[in-house]
């Protein structure tokens, strides 16, 4: 083969090889997804690593419990309130009986009554203990509650200023050990029963921390609360 012909052949072969290489690279670029280099390196590095098992997100339970209540029990949550955006709450079997959204919470002592055997709500009431004479009406309301009833009681803002001795005696008769100790703007929650007895260690919680006037939250961020379950009737 002549030198000139051999040179032309080599040049054509080089051009053809270059075109093939360019086309192969083009096909790879089109077929392989556009993944950042950092992701590619991470995927390569993670091949030899052990898989990490992530804990599942906890399932929401009734009344914001973190774990399900035992069978044949009622779930409840009580939360005292104060200020402009920390409203008292009473939740029973995942139903909000009393709170801001239900529109039936107010300053004073808030009460929800539930039929112990059926779990049905009988009534909800609130009694202002800062203004007006509402201590006697609350006493009569408590005395009128039928037997075999659960009573849930929470304070919002202040529940003691005009609370009279007769009302305190009525609440104490239900098993309260703190009703005569609450002070101005104390936080207090109480679970009571008429016609049967509940475990005493789960019935009542009180915080003597007073709510700061003119603020939206209780002093020290303390709010009395109770979250538990009781056997069904």
Protein backbone atom coordinates (compact mmCIF):
# COMPACT_ATOMS: atom_id res chain seq x y z
CA UNK A 1 0.00 0.00 0.00
CA UNK A 2 1.34 3.39 -0.95
CA UNK A 3 2.27 5.75 1.89
CA UNK A 4 -0.26 8.39 0.76
CA UNK A 5 -3.08 5.87 0.61
CA UNK A 6 -2.11 4.42 3.99
CA UNK A 7 -2.16 7.88 5.55
CA UNK A 8 -5.62 8.65 4.17
CA UNK A 9 -6.92 5.31 5.45
CA UNK A 10 -5.55 5.94 8.95
CA UNK A 11 -7.11 9.40 9.00
CA UNK A 12 -10.49 8.04 7.98
CA UNK A 13 -10.20 5.27 10.59
CA UNK A 14 -9.39 7.85 13.29
CA UNK A 15 -12.34 10.03 12.31
CA UNK A 16 -14.68 7.01 12.31
CA UNK A 17 -13.43 5.89 15.74
CA UNK A 18 -13.92 9.39 17.13
CA UNK A 19 -17.46 9.54 15.79
CA UNK A 20 -18.24 6.15 17.33
CA UNK A 21 -16.83 7.23 20.70
CA UNK A 22 -18.79 10.50 20.60
CA UNK A 23 -22.02 8.73 19.68
CA UNK A 24 -21.53 6.13 22.43
CA UNK A 25 -21.05 8.91 24.98
CA UNK A 26 -24.14 10.68 23.67
CA UNK A 27 -26.24 7.52 24.07
CA UNK A 28 -25.00 6.98 27.62
CA UNK A 29 -25.80 10.57 28.54
CA UNK A 30 -29.33 10.17 27.20
CA UNK A 31 -30.01 6.80 28.79
CA UNK A 32 -28.51 7.40 32.24
CA UNK A 33 -30.71 9.69 34.43
CA UNK A 34 -29.34 13.04 35.49
CA UNK A 35 -28.30 12.33 39.09
CA UNK A 36 -26.06 14.68 41.08
CA UNK A 37 -22.54 13.41 41.64
CA UNK A 38 -22.98 13.60 45.40
CA UNK A 39 -25.96 11.24 45.22
CA UNK A 40 -24.02 8.83 43.03
CA UNK A 41 -21.09 8.75 45.46
CA UNK A 42 -23.49 8.30 48.40
CA UNK A 43 -25.21 5.37 46.67
CA UNK A 44 -21.87 3.71 45.96
CA UNK A 45 -20.72 4.21 49.55
CA UNK A 46 -23.99 2.94 51.04
CA UNK A 47 -23.85 -0.38 49.17
CA UNK A 48 -21.65 -1.91 51.85
CA UNK A 49 -23.45 -0.35 54.78
CA UNK A 50 -26.00 -2.17 56.91
CA UNK A 51 -29.60 -1.11 56.39
CA UNK A 52 -30.90 1.16 59.15
CA UNK A 53 -34.35 0.29 60.46
CA UNK A 54 -36.33 3.44 61.29
CA UNK A 55 -38.96 3.35 64.01
CA UNK A 56 -42.46 3.99 62.69
CA UNK A 57 -44.13 7.27 63.57
CA UNK A 58 -46.28 6.74 66.69
CA UNK A 59 -49.94 6.37 65.84
CA UNK A 60 -52.17 8.99 67.41
CA UNK A 61 -54.37 7.52 70.13
CA UNK A 62 -57.57 8.75 71.74
CA UNK A 63 -57.30 12.16 73.42
CA UNK A 64 -53.62 12.40 72.38
CA UNK A 65 -52.44 9.43 74.43
CA UNK A 66 -49.08 8.08 73.25
CA UNK A 67 -50.15 4.48 73.77
CA UNK A 68 -53.54 2.81 73.44
CA UNK A 69 -55.60 2.40 76.58
CA UNK A 70 -56.34 -1.12 77.84
CA UNK A 71 -59.49 -2.80 76.55
CA UNK A 72 -62.78 -1.89 78.22
CA UNK A 73 -61.53 1.46 79.53
CA UNK A 74 -62.41 5.08 78.85
CA UNK A 75 -59.69 7.44 77.65
CA UNK A 76 -59.76 11.02 78.83
CA UNK A 77 -57.63 14.15 79.05
CA UNK A 78 -58.16 17.19 81.26
CA UNK A 79 -56.25 20.44 80.89
CA UNK A 80 -56.76 23.62 82.88
CA UNK A 81 -56.51 26.94 81.09
CA UNK A 82 -55.75 30.61 81.44
CA UNK A 83 -55.03 33.73 79.44
CA UNK A 84 -56.20 34.46 75.92
CA UNK A 85 -55.10 31.37 74.01
CA UNK A 86 -54.63 28.62 76.60
CA UNK A 87 -58.17 27.39 76.96
CA UNK A 88 -59.20 24.65 79.33
CA UNK A 89 -59.99 21.32 77.65
CA UNK A 90 -61.93 18.20 78.49
CA UNK A 91 -61.52 15.29 76.08
CA UNK A 92 -63.35 11.99 76.56
CA UNK A 93 -63.03 8.99 74.25
CA UNK A 94 -61.40 11.26 71.63
CA UNK A 95 -64.36 13.65 71.67
CA UNK A 96 -63.70 17.24 72.76
CA UNK A 97 -66.45 17.85 75.30
CA UNK A 98 -65.24 21.27 76.31
CA UNK A 99 -62.73 23.65 74.75
CA UNK A 100 -62.10 26.63 72.52
CA UNK A 101 -63.33 24.91 69.35
CA UNK A 102 -66.54 23.73 70.98
CA UNK A 103 -67.20 27.25 72.26
CA UNK A 104 -68.38 26.16 75.70
CA UNK A 105 -65.41 27.07 77.91
CA UNK A 106 -65.24 30.19 80.06
CA UNK A 107 -63.61 31.70 83.11
CA UNK A 108 -64.28 29.80 86.32
CA UNK A 109 -64.96 26.11 86.91
CA UNK A 110 -65.93 24.12 83.81
CA UNK A 111 -67.74 20.80 84.22
CA UNK A 112 -68.57 17.93 81.86
CA UNK A 113 -70.84 15.07 82.94
CA UNK A 114 -70.77 11.64 81.28
CA UNK A 115 -72.92 8.56 81.84
CA UNK A 116 -70.48 6.02 83.26
CA UNK A 117 -72.24 2.97 81.85
CA UNK A 118 -72.88 4.21 78.30
CA UNK A 119 -70.11 6.77 77.85
CA UNK A 120 -72.62 9.30 76.54
CA UNK A 121 -72.31 12.99 77.41
CA UNK A 122 -75.06 14.22 79.73
CA UNK A 123 -74.19 17.91 79.92
CA UNK A 124 -71.44 20.55 80.02
CA UNK A 125 -71.53 23.71 82.13
CA UNK A 126 -69.25 26.53 83.23
CA UNK A 127 -69.57 28.73 86.31
CA UNK A 128 -67.78 32.08 86.57
CA UNK A 129 -66.06 32.28 89.94
CA UNK A 130 -64.70 35.80 89.52
CA UNK A 131 -67.86 37.80 88.87
CA UNK A 132 -71.47 37.12 89.79
CA UNK A 133 -72.98 34.76 92.33
CA UNK A 134 -72.47 31.40 90.63
CA UNK A 135 -71.26 29.29 93.54
CA UNK A 136 -74.75 28.29 94.67
CA UNK A 137 -75.99 27.44 91.13
CA UNK A 138 -72.91 25.23 90.68
CA UNK A 139 -73.66 23.49 93.98
CA UNK A 140 -77.22 22.74 92.87
CA UNK A 141 -75.96 21.53 89.48
CA UNK A 142 -73.54 19.10 91.12
CA UNK A 143 -76.22 17.83 93.48
CA UNK A 144 -78.61 17.26 90.56
CA UNK A 145 -76.21 15.06 88.61
CA UNK A 146 -77.60 11.50 88.44
CA UNK A 147 -75.92 8.50 90.01
CA UNK A 148 -73.50 6.44 87.90
CA UNK A 149 -72.05 9.60 86.34
CA UNK A 150 -68.48 10.71 85.69
CA UNK A 151 -67.70 14.36 86.40
CA UNK A 152 -64.75 16.12 84.80
CA UNK A 153 -63.88 19.51 86.30
CA UNK A 154 -61.23 22.02 85.17
CA UNK A 155 -60.47 25.64 86.01
CA UNK A 156 -59.98 28.37 83.45
CA UNK A 157 -58.29 31.58 84.61
CA UNK A 158 -59.71 31.73 88.17
CA UNK A 159 -61.94 29.23 89.92
CA UNK A 160 -61.70 30.28 93.56
CA UNK A 161 -62.41 34.01 94.06
CA UNK A 162 -66.16 33.62 94.72
CA UNK A 163 -66.22 29.89 95.44
CA UNK A 164 -68.28 29.53 98.61
CA UNK A 165 -68.00 26.95 101.40
CA UNK A 166 -71.16 25.10 100.35
CA UNK A 167 -69.77 24.50 96.85
CA UNK A 168 -66.43 23.40 98.28
CA UNK A 169 -68.22 20.93 100.54
CA UNK A 170 -70.15 19.51 97.57
CA UNK A 171 -66.95 18.99 95.59
CA UNK A 172 -65.13 17.61 98.62
CA UNK A 173 -67.97 15.10 99.08
CA UNK A 174 -67.14 13.78 95.60
CA UNK A 175 -63.63 12.97 96.81
CA UNK A 176 -61.64 16.15 96.21
CA UNK A 177 -58.73 16.72 98.58
CA UNK A 178 -57.58 20.00 97.04
CA UNK A 179 -60.73 22.07 96.46
CA UNK A 180 -60.32 23.86 99.80
CA UNK A 181 -56.66 24.58 99.05
CA UNK A 182 -56.91 26.19 95.62
CA UNK A 183 -56.03 29.87 95.55
CA UNK A 184 -56.66 32.80 93.23
CA UNK A 185 -55.86 31.66 89.68
CA UNK A 186 -54.61 28.25 90.77
CA UNK A 187 -54.77 25.55 88.08
CA UNK A 188 -56.91 22.56 89.06
CA UNK A 189 -58.40 19.49 87.39
CA UNK A 190 -60.56 16.84 89.01
CA UNK A 191 -62.27 13.60 88.02
CA UNK A 192 -65.20 12.57 90.19
CA UNK A 193 -67.90 9.93 90.28
CA UNK A 194 -71.40 9.71 91.69
CA UNK A 195 -72.64 6.32 92.80
CA UNK A 196 -69.27 4.54 92.67
CA UNK A 197 -65.63 5.07 93.63
CA UNK A 198 -62.63 5.86 91.41
CA UNK A 199 -58.95 5.21 92.25
CA UNK A 200 -57.89 8.15 94.42
CA UNK A 201 -54.40 8.49 92.91
CA UNK A 202 -55.86 9.38 89.51
CA UNK A 203 -58.58 11.77 90.48
CA UNK A 204 -57.07 15.20 91.04
CA UNK A 205 -54.14 17.47 90.19
CA UNK A 206 -53.46 21.03 91.28
CA UNK A 207 -50.82 23.65 90.61
CA UNK A 208 -50.56 26.60 92.98
CA UNK A 209 -48.75 28.59 90.31
CA UNK A 210 -50.85 31.63 89.58
CA UNK A 211 -51.63 32.81 86.07
CA UNK A 212 -50.01 36.11 85.24
CA UNK A 213 -52.65 38.77 84.61
CA UNK A 214 -52.46 40.22 81.11
CA UNK A 215 -50.46 37.33 79.66
CA UNK A 216 -51.47 34.45 77.45
CA UNK A 217 -49.89 31.65 79.45
CA UNK A 218 -49.80 30.58 83.09
CA UNK A 219 -46.73 31.61 85.07
CA UNK A 220 -43.91 29.14 84.65
CA UNK A 221 -45.78 27.46 81.78
CA UNK A 222 -47.51 25.25 84.36
CA UNK A 223 -50.97 23.93 83.71
CA UNK A 224 -52.68 21.22 85.69
CA UNK A 225 -53.49 18.24 83.51
CA UNK A 226 -54.65 14.69 83.80
CA UNK A 227 -54.46 12.06 81.08
CA UNK A 228 -55.48 8.49 81.81
CA UNK A 229 -58.08 5.77 81.39
CA UNK A 230 -60.73 4.26 83.63
CA UNK A 231 -62.62 0.96 83.40
CA UNK A 232 -65.90 1.20 81.56
CA UNK A 233 -69.15 0.71 83.39
